[in-house]
């Protein structure tokens, strides 16, 4: 794929996923980012300081991975190859369908059952080819 075509696809996906890209850019503006872990599927995985409970968060063209999980291949795949697929599918509705329920699940998860049984996490694992 030529660089021009690659840039065009990236830009179109950025626009399609604009609400979550804006949230990601706001987070990046106010957090410590240590660099790029990976780039695939028109998405950057960035090693970024996140709240202690979060291993990662995927927002549009960005998968933000906490330093403690930055080299955990399963977490990176879950975010970069999993949630980002839903972001591309749902576009501007991603935050309502996936983002908000995911955050609420993280906040209220009480340790009972498998965390990844929740639909947002199960879908991400399926897209990433995990368990």
Protein backbone atom coordinates (compact mmCIF):
# COMPACT_ATOMS: atom_id res chain seq x y z
CA UNK A 1 0.00 0.00 0.00
CA UNK A 2 1.41 3.38 -0.91
CA UNK A 3 2.12 5.97 1.75
CA UNK A 4 -0.53 8.30 0.32
CA UNK A 5 -3.21 5.61 0.42
CA UNK A 6 -2.13 4.61 3.94
CA UNK A 7 -2.39 8.25 5.09
CA UNK A 8 -5.82 8.60 3.46
CA UNK A 9 -7.17 5.48 5.20
CA UNK A 10 -5.72 6.68 8.51
CA UNK A 11 -7.37 10.11 8.07
CA UNK A 12 -10.75 8.64 7.11
CA UNK A 13 -10.67 6.29 10.10
CA UNK A 14 -9.65 9.20 12.32
CA UNK A 15 -12.72 11.15 11.19
CA UNK A 16 -15.05 8.11 11.48
CA UNK A 17 -13.80 7.58 15.05
CA UNK A 18 -13.58 11.29 15.89
CA UNK A 19 -15.31 11.27 19.32
CA UNK A 20 -13.00 8.60 20.74
CA UNK A 21 -9.95 10.13 19.03
CA UNK A 22 -10.72 13.44 20.73
CA UNK A 23 -10.97 11.71 24.13
CA UNK A 24 -7.66 9.94 23.46
CA UNK A 25 -5.95 13.19 22.54
CA UNK A 26 -7.26 14.83 25.73
CA UNK A 27 -5.94 11.95 27.82
CA UNK A 28 -2.59 12.13 26.04
CA UNK A 29 -2.44 15.88 26.65
CA UNK A 30 -2.69 15.38 30.42
CA UNK A 31 -0.87 12.09 30.93
CA UNK A 32 2.68 10.89 30.75
CA UNK A 33 3.32 8.94 27.55
CA UNK A 34 6.55 7.02 27.23
CA UNK A 35 6.40 6.08 23.57
CA UNK A 36 4.99 3.82 20.90
CA UNK A 37 4.76 0.11 21.67
CA UNK A 38 3.31 -0.97 18.33
CA UNK A 39 1.44 0.25 15.27
CA UNK A 40 -1.02 -1.91 13.35
CA UNK A 41 -4.47 -1.66 11.85
CA UNK A 42 -4.03 2.14 11.60
CA UNK A 43 -3.71 2.32 15.37
CA UNK A 44 -0.88 3.36 17.67
CA UNK A 45 -0.34 1.46 20.92
CA UNK A 46 1.21 3.93 23.33
CA UNK A 47 2.76 3.27 26.74
CA UNK A 48 0.77 5.75 28.82
CA UNK A 49 0.19 6.37 32.54
CA UNK A 50 -3.39 5.27 33.30
CA UNK A 51 -5.43 4.88 36.51
CA UNK A 52 -4.13 1.93 38.52
CA UNK A 53 -7.04 -0.41 37.71
CA UNK A 54 -6.76 0.02 33.94
CA UNK A 55 -4.39 -2.13 31.92
CA UNK A 56 -5.33 -0.34 28.74
CA UNK A 57 -7.95 1.67 26.94
CA UNK A 58 -8.65 1.82 23.21
CA UNK A 59 -9.92 5.05 21.76
CA UNK A 60 -10.06 5.33 17.98
CA UNK A 61 -6.62 5.33 16.44
CA UNK A 62 -4.98 4.98 19.86
CA UNK A 63 -4.58 2.08 22.27
CA UNK A 64 -3.24 3.47 25.54
CA UNK A 65 -1.46 0.79 27.54
CA UNK A 66 -0.36 1.25 31.16
CA UNK A 67 3.37 0.87 31.81
CA UNK A 68 2.72 -2.23 33.93
CA UNK A 69 1.02 -3.95 30.95
CA UNK A 70 3.03 -2.45 28.08
CA UNK A 71 4.98 -5.65 27.48
CA UNK A 72 2.15 -8.07 28.19
CA UNK A 73 1.38 -9.33 24.68
CA UNK A 74 -2.15 -10.45 25.63
CA UNK A 75 -3.09 -6.98 26.93
CA UNK A 76 -1.61 -5.25 23.89
CA UNK A 77 -3.45 -7.63 21.54
CA UNK A 78 -6.70 -7.24 23.52
CA UNK A 79 -6.54 -3.46 23.11
CA UNK A 80 -4.79 -3.07 19.74
CA UNK A 81 -6.30 -6.01 17.85
CA UNK A 82 -9.53 -6.26 19.84
CA UNK A 83 -11.24 -3.08 20.99
CA UNK A 84 -9.95 -1.10 18.02
CA UNK A 85 -11.98 -3.38 15.71
CA UNK A 86 -15.16 -2.40 17.56
CA UNK A 87 -14.12 1.24 17.28
CA UNK A 88 -13.85 0.91 13.51
CA UNK A 89 -17.19 -0.93 13.31
CA UNK A 90 -19.22 1.39 15.53
CA UNK A 91 -17.45 4.65 14.68
CA UNK A 92 -19.07 7.58 16.50
CA UNK A 93 -21.28 5.20 18.54
CA UNK A 94 -18.30 3.32 20.03
CA UNK A 95 -18.20 5.35 23.24
CA UNK A 96 -21.86 4.54 23.96
CA UNK A 97 -21.81 0.88 22.91
CA UNK A 98 -18.34 -0.14 24.10
CA UNK A 99 -16.52 2.69 25.92
CA UNK A 100 -18.99 3.64 28.65
CA UNK A 101 -20.08 0.06 29.45
CA UNK A 102 -16.38 -0.98 29.58
CA UNK A 103 -15.49 1.80 32.01
CA UNK A 104 -18.50 1.03 34.22
CA UNK A 105 -17.62 -2.66 34.18
CA UNK A 106 -14.04 -1.85 35.22
CA UNK A 107 -15.19 0.44 38.03
CA UNK A 108 -17.85 -1.89 39.44
CA UNK A 109 -16.23 -5.27 38.79
CA UNK A 110 -16.11 -7.04 42.15
CA UNK A 111 -13.72 -9.86 41.29
CA UNK A 112 -16.41 -12.51 41.00
CA UNK A 113 -16.49 -14.45 37.76
CA UNK A 114 -14.22 -13.85 34.80
CA UNK A 115 -13.70 -10.16 34.01
CA UNK A 116 -13.54 -11.04 30.31
CA UNK A 117 -17.03 -12.60 30.29
CA UNK A 118 -18.52 -9.09 29.96
CA UNK A 119 -19.61 -8.54 26.33
CA UNK A 120 -17.17 -5.69 25.57
CA UNK A 121 -14.20 -7.72 26.78
CA UNK A 122 -15.42 -10.95 25.18
CA UNK A 123 -15.82 -9.20 21.81
CA UNK A 124 -12.33 -7.68 22.05
CA UNK A 125 -10.81 -11.06 22.85
CA UNK A 126 -12.66 -12.63 19.93
CA UNK A 127 -11.39 -9.98 17.48
CA UNK A 128 -7.84 -10.42 18.81
CA UNK A 129 -8.00 -14.23 18.63
CA UNK A 130 -7.60 -14.60 22.42
CA UNK A 131 -9.25 -17.30 24.59
